[in-house]
Amino acid sequence: MEGILVCLSGAPSNVRVIKAAAKMAEAYGGNLTALYVEPPDFHEHDPGAKSRLEENFRLAHRLGAKVTRL
C-alpha cells in the first residue's frame, strides 16, 4: 500500500494539488495525509490566504485525508 502526502497552503493552486493527491491515493489504494506546518513567525500578507487555507483543510478532509497541522 502506498501513502500520499500533500502539503497544505493558502495558495490558490493548492486545490489542484490536493485533488491530484487524492486521485493518486485512490489509484494506488493508499492513504492520503495532508500536512500544514505553520511557521512560528507566521504573518500572512495575502488577506484571502487564511480563508483559502481553511477551505483547503476542509477539502482535504472531505477527500479522505488525515489532516495534520503542526
N, C-alpha and C. Protein backbone atom coordinates (compact mmCIF):
# COMPACT_ATOMS: atom_id res chain seq x y z
N MET A 1 0.85 -1.18 0.00
CA MET A 1 0.00 0.00 0.00
C MET A 1 0.89 1.24 0.00
N GLU A 2 0.55 2.16 -0.85
CA GLU A 2 1.28 3.41 -0.95
C GLU A 2 0.59 4.49 -0.14
N GLY A 3 1.35 5.40 0.39
CA GLY A 3 0.80 6.56 1.08
C GLY A 3 1.17 7.81 0.31
N ILE A 4 0.27 8.75 0.26
CA ILE A 4 0.49 10.01 -0.43
C ILE A 4 0.43 11.13 0.60
N LEU A 5 1.43 12.01 0.56
CA LEU A 5 1.49 13.16 1.45
C LEU A 5 1.31 14.42 0.61
N VAL A 6 0.38 15.27 1.00
CA VAL A 6 0.17 16.53 0.32
C VAL A 6 0.35 17.64 1.35
N CYS A 7 1.02 18.68 0.95
CA CYS A 7 1.22 19.84 1.83
C CYS A 7 0.13 20.87 1.56
N LEU A 8 -0.42 21.41 2.64
CA LEU A 8 -1.49 22.39 2.53
C LEU A 8 -0.93 23.81 2.63
N SER A 9 -1.59 24.71 1.90
CA SER A 9 -1.23 26.12 1.95
C SER A 9 -2.46 26.94 1.60
N GLY A 10 -2.29 28.24 1.64
CA GLY A 10 -3.37 29.14 1.25
C GLY A 10 -3.26 29.60 -0.19
N ALA A 11 -2.37 28.98 -0.94
CA ALA A 11 -2.18 29.35 -2.35
C ALA A 11 -3.39 28.92 -3.17
N PRO A 12 -3.79 29.73 -4.14
CA PRO A 12 -4.93 29.36 -4.98
C PRO A 12 -4.73 28.03 -5.71
N SER A 13 -3.51 27.68 -6.04
CA SER A 13 -3.22 26.44 -6.77
C SER A 13 -3.28 25.20 -5.89
N ASN A 14 -3.38 25.36 -4.57
CA ASN A 14 -3.34 24.21 -3.67
C ASN A 14 -4.54 23.30 -3.85
N VAL A 15 -5.68 23.81 -4.28
CA VAL A 15 -6.86 22.98 -4.52
C VAL A 15 -6.52 21.91 -5.56
N ARG A 16 -5.88 22.32 -6.62
CA ARG A 16 -5.50 21.39 -7.69
C ARG A 16 -4.54 20.32 -7.16
N VAL A 17 -3.60 20.71 -6.31
CA VAL A 17 -2.63 19.79 -5.74
C VAL A 17 -3.33 18.77 -4.83
N ILE A 18 -4.25 19.24 -4.00
CA ILE A 18 -4.98 18.35 -3.09
C ILE A 18 -5.79 17.33 -3.89
N LYS A 19 -6.49 17.79 -4.92
CA LYS A 19 -7.31 16.88 -5.72
C LYS A 19 -6.45 15.84 -6.45
N ALA A 20 -5.30 16.27 -6.96
CA ALA A 20 -4.40 15.34 -7.64
C ALA A 20 -3.87 14.29 -6.66
N ALA A 21 -3.51 14.72 -5.47
CA ALA A 21 -3.01 13.79 -4.45
C ALA A 21 -4.09 12.78 -4.06
N ALA A 22 -5.33 13.24 -3.93
CA ALA A 22 -6.43 12.35 -3.57
C ALA A 22 -6.65 11.31 -4.67
N LYS A 23 -6.55 11.73 -5.93
CA LYS A 23 -6.71 10.78 -7.04
C LYS A 23 -5.58 9.75 -7.04
N MET A 24 -4.36 10.19 -6.75
CA MET A 24 -3.23 9.26 -6.69
C MET A 24 -3.42 8.26 -5.56
N ALA A 25 -3.84 8.73 -4.40
CA ALA A 25 -4.05 7.82 -3.27
C ALA A 25 -5.11 6.78 -3.61
N GLU A 26 -6.17 7.23 -4.27
CA GLU A 26 -7.23 6.30 -4.66
C GLU A 26 -6.71 5.29 -5.69
N ALA A 27 -5.96 5.77 -6.67
CA ALA A 27 -5.45 4.88 -7.73
C ALA A 27 -4.51 3.82 -7.18
N TYR A 28 -3.70 4.18 -6.18
CA TYR A 28 -2.74 3.25 -5.60
C TYR A 28 -3.30 2.48 -4.41
N GLY A 29 -4.55 2.80 -4.03
CA GLY A 29 -5.16 2.13 -2.89
C GLY A 29 -4.48 2.47 -1.58
N GLY A 30 -3.95 3.69 -1.51
CA GLY A 30 -3.21 4.09 -0.31
C GLY A 30 -3.91 5.15 0.50
N ASN A 31 -3.24 5.54 1.55
CA ASN A 31 -3.75 6.57 2.45
C ASN A 31 -3.32 7.95 1.97
N LEU A 32 -4.14 8.93 2.26
CA LEU A 32 -3.82 10.32 1.95
C LEU A 32 -3.63 11.06 3.26
N THR A 33 -2.49 11.73 3.38
CA THR A 33 -2.21 12.57 4.53
C THR A 33 -1.98 13.98 4.04
N ALA A 34 -2.65 14.94 4.67
CA ALA A 34 -2.49 16.35 4.34
C ALA A 34 -1.80 17.03 5.52
N LEU A 35 -0.75 17.75 5.25
CA LEU A 35 0.07 18.34 6.30
C LEU A 35 0.21 19.84 6.09
N TYR A 36 0.07 20.58 7.18
CA TYR A 36 0.34 22.02 7.17
C TYR A 36 1.28 22.32 8.32
N VAL A 37 2.42 22.92 8.00
CA VAL A 37 3.38 23.33 9.02
C VAL A 37 3.36 24.85 9.08
N GLU A 38 2.83 25.37 10.19
CA GLU A 38 2.73 26.82 10.35
C GLU A 38 4.04 27.36 10.90
N PRO A 39 4.64 28.32 10.21
CA PRO A 39 5.90 28.88 10.71
C PRO A 39 5.67 29.63 12.02
N PRO A 40 6.66 29.66 12.91
CA PRO A 40 6.49 30.32 14.20
C PRO A 40 6.24 31.82 14.08
N ASP A 41 6.74 32.43 13.04
CA ASP A 41 6.57 33.88 12.86
C ASP A 41 5.59 34.17 11.72
N PHE A 42 4.51 33.39 11.69
CA PHE A 42 3.54 33.47 10.60
C PHE A 42 2.84 34.82 10.57
N HIS A 43 3.01 35.54 9.47
CA HIS A 43 2.31 36.79 9.21
C HIS A 43 1.84 36.73 7.77
N GLU A 44 0.57 36.62 7.58
CA GLU A 44 0.02 36.46 6.23
C GLU A 44 -0.15 37.81 5.55
N HIS A 45 0.49 37.96 4.39
CA HIS A 45 0.41 39.20 3.64
C HIS A 45 -0.80 39.23 2.70
N ASP A 46 -1.27 38.06 2.34
CA ASP A 46 -2.43 37.93 1.46
C ASP A 46 -3.66 37.72 2.33
N PRO A 47 -4.57 38.70 2.40
CA PRO A 47 -5.73 38.57 3.29
C PRO A 47 -6.64 37.39 2.96
N GLY A 48 -6.67 36.94 1.73
CA GLY A 48 -7.51 35.80 1.36
C GLY A 48 -6.87 34.46 1.64
N ALA A 49 -5.58 34.45 1.92
CA ALA A 49 -4.86 33.18 2.08
C ALA A 49 -5.34 32.39 3.29
N LYS A 50 -5.65 33.07 4.37
CA LYS A 50 -6.09 32.35 5.57
C LYS A 50 -7.41 31.63 5.32
N SER A 51 -8.36 32.29 4.66
CA SER A 51 -9.64 31.63 4.38
C SER A 51 -9.45 30.51 3.36
N ARG A 52 -8.58 30.71 2.37
CA ARG A 52 -8.30 29.63 1.40
C ARG A 52 -7.66 28.44 2.11
N LEU A 53 -6.76 28.72 3.05
CA LEU A 53 -6.12 27.64 3.80
C LEU A 53 -7.17 26.82 4.54
N GLU A 54 -8.09 27.48 5.21
CA GLU A 54 -9.14 26.77 5.94
C GLU A 54 -10.03 25.98 4.97
N GLU A 55 -10.32 26.54 3.80
CA GLU A 55 -11.09 25.81 2.78
C GLU A 55 -10.31 24.58 2.32
N ASN A 56 -9.00 24.72 2.18
CA ASN A 56 -8.18 23.59 1.75
C ASN A 56 -8.13 22.50 2.81
N PHE A 57 -8.14 22.88 4.09
CA PHE A 57 -8.24 21.89 5.16
C PHE A 57 -9.53 21.09 5.01
N ARG A 58 -10.64 21.79 4.80
CA ARG A 58 -11.93 21.12 4.67
C ARG A 58 -11.97 20.23 3.44
N LEU A 59 -11.42 20.70 2.32
CA LEU A 59 -11.39 19.91 1.09
C LEU A 59 -10.60 18.62 1.31
N ALA A 60 -9.42 18.73 1.88
CA ALA A 60 -8.59 17.55 2.12
C ALA A 60 -9.34 16.55 3.00
N HIS A 61 -10.00 17.05 4.03
CA HIS A 61 -10.75 16.18 4.92
C HIS A 61 -11.88 15.49 4.17
N ARG A 62 -12.62 16.25 3.35
CA ARG A 62 -13.73 15.66 2.57
C ARG A 62 -13.24 14.59 1.61
N LEU A 63 -12.01 14.75 1.12
CA LEU A 63 -11.46 13.78 0.17
C LEU A 63 -10.79 12.60 0.86
N GLY A 64 -10.95 12.53 2.18
CA GLY A 64 -10.48 11.36 2.92
C GLY A 64 -9.10 11.45 3.53
N ALA A 65 -8.53 12.63 3.53
CA ALA A 65 -7.18 12.78 4.08
C ALA A 65 -7.20 12.82 5.59
N LYS A 66 -6.14 12.30 6.17
CA LYS A 66 -5.87 12.53 7.58
C LYS A 66 -5.15 13.89 7.61
N VAL A 67 -5.76 14.88 8.21
CA VAL A 67 -5.24 16.26 8.17
C VAL A 67 -4.49 16.54 9.46
N THR A 68 -3.26 17.04 9.31
CA THR A 68 -2.42 17.36 10.46
C THR A 68 -1.89 18.77 10.33
N ARG A 69 -1.98 19.51 11.43
CA ARG A 69 -1.44 20.87 11.48
C ARG A 69 -0.36 20.91 12.56
N LEU A 70 0.82 21.34 12.16
CA LEU A 70 1.93 21.45 13.12
C LEU A 70 2.34 22.89 13.29
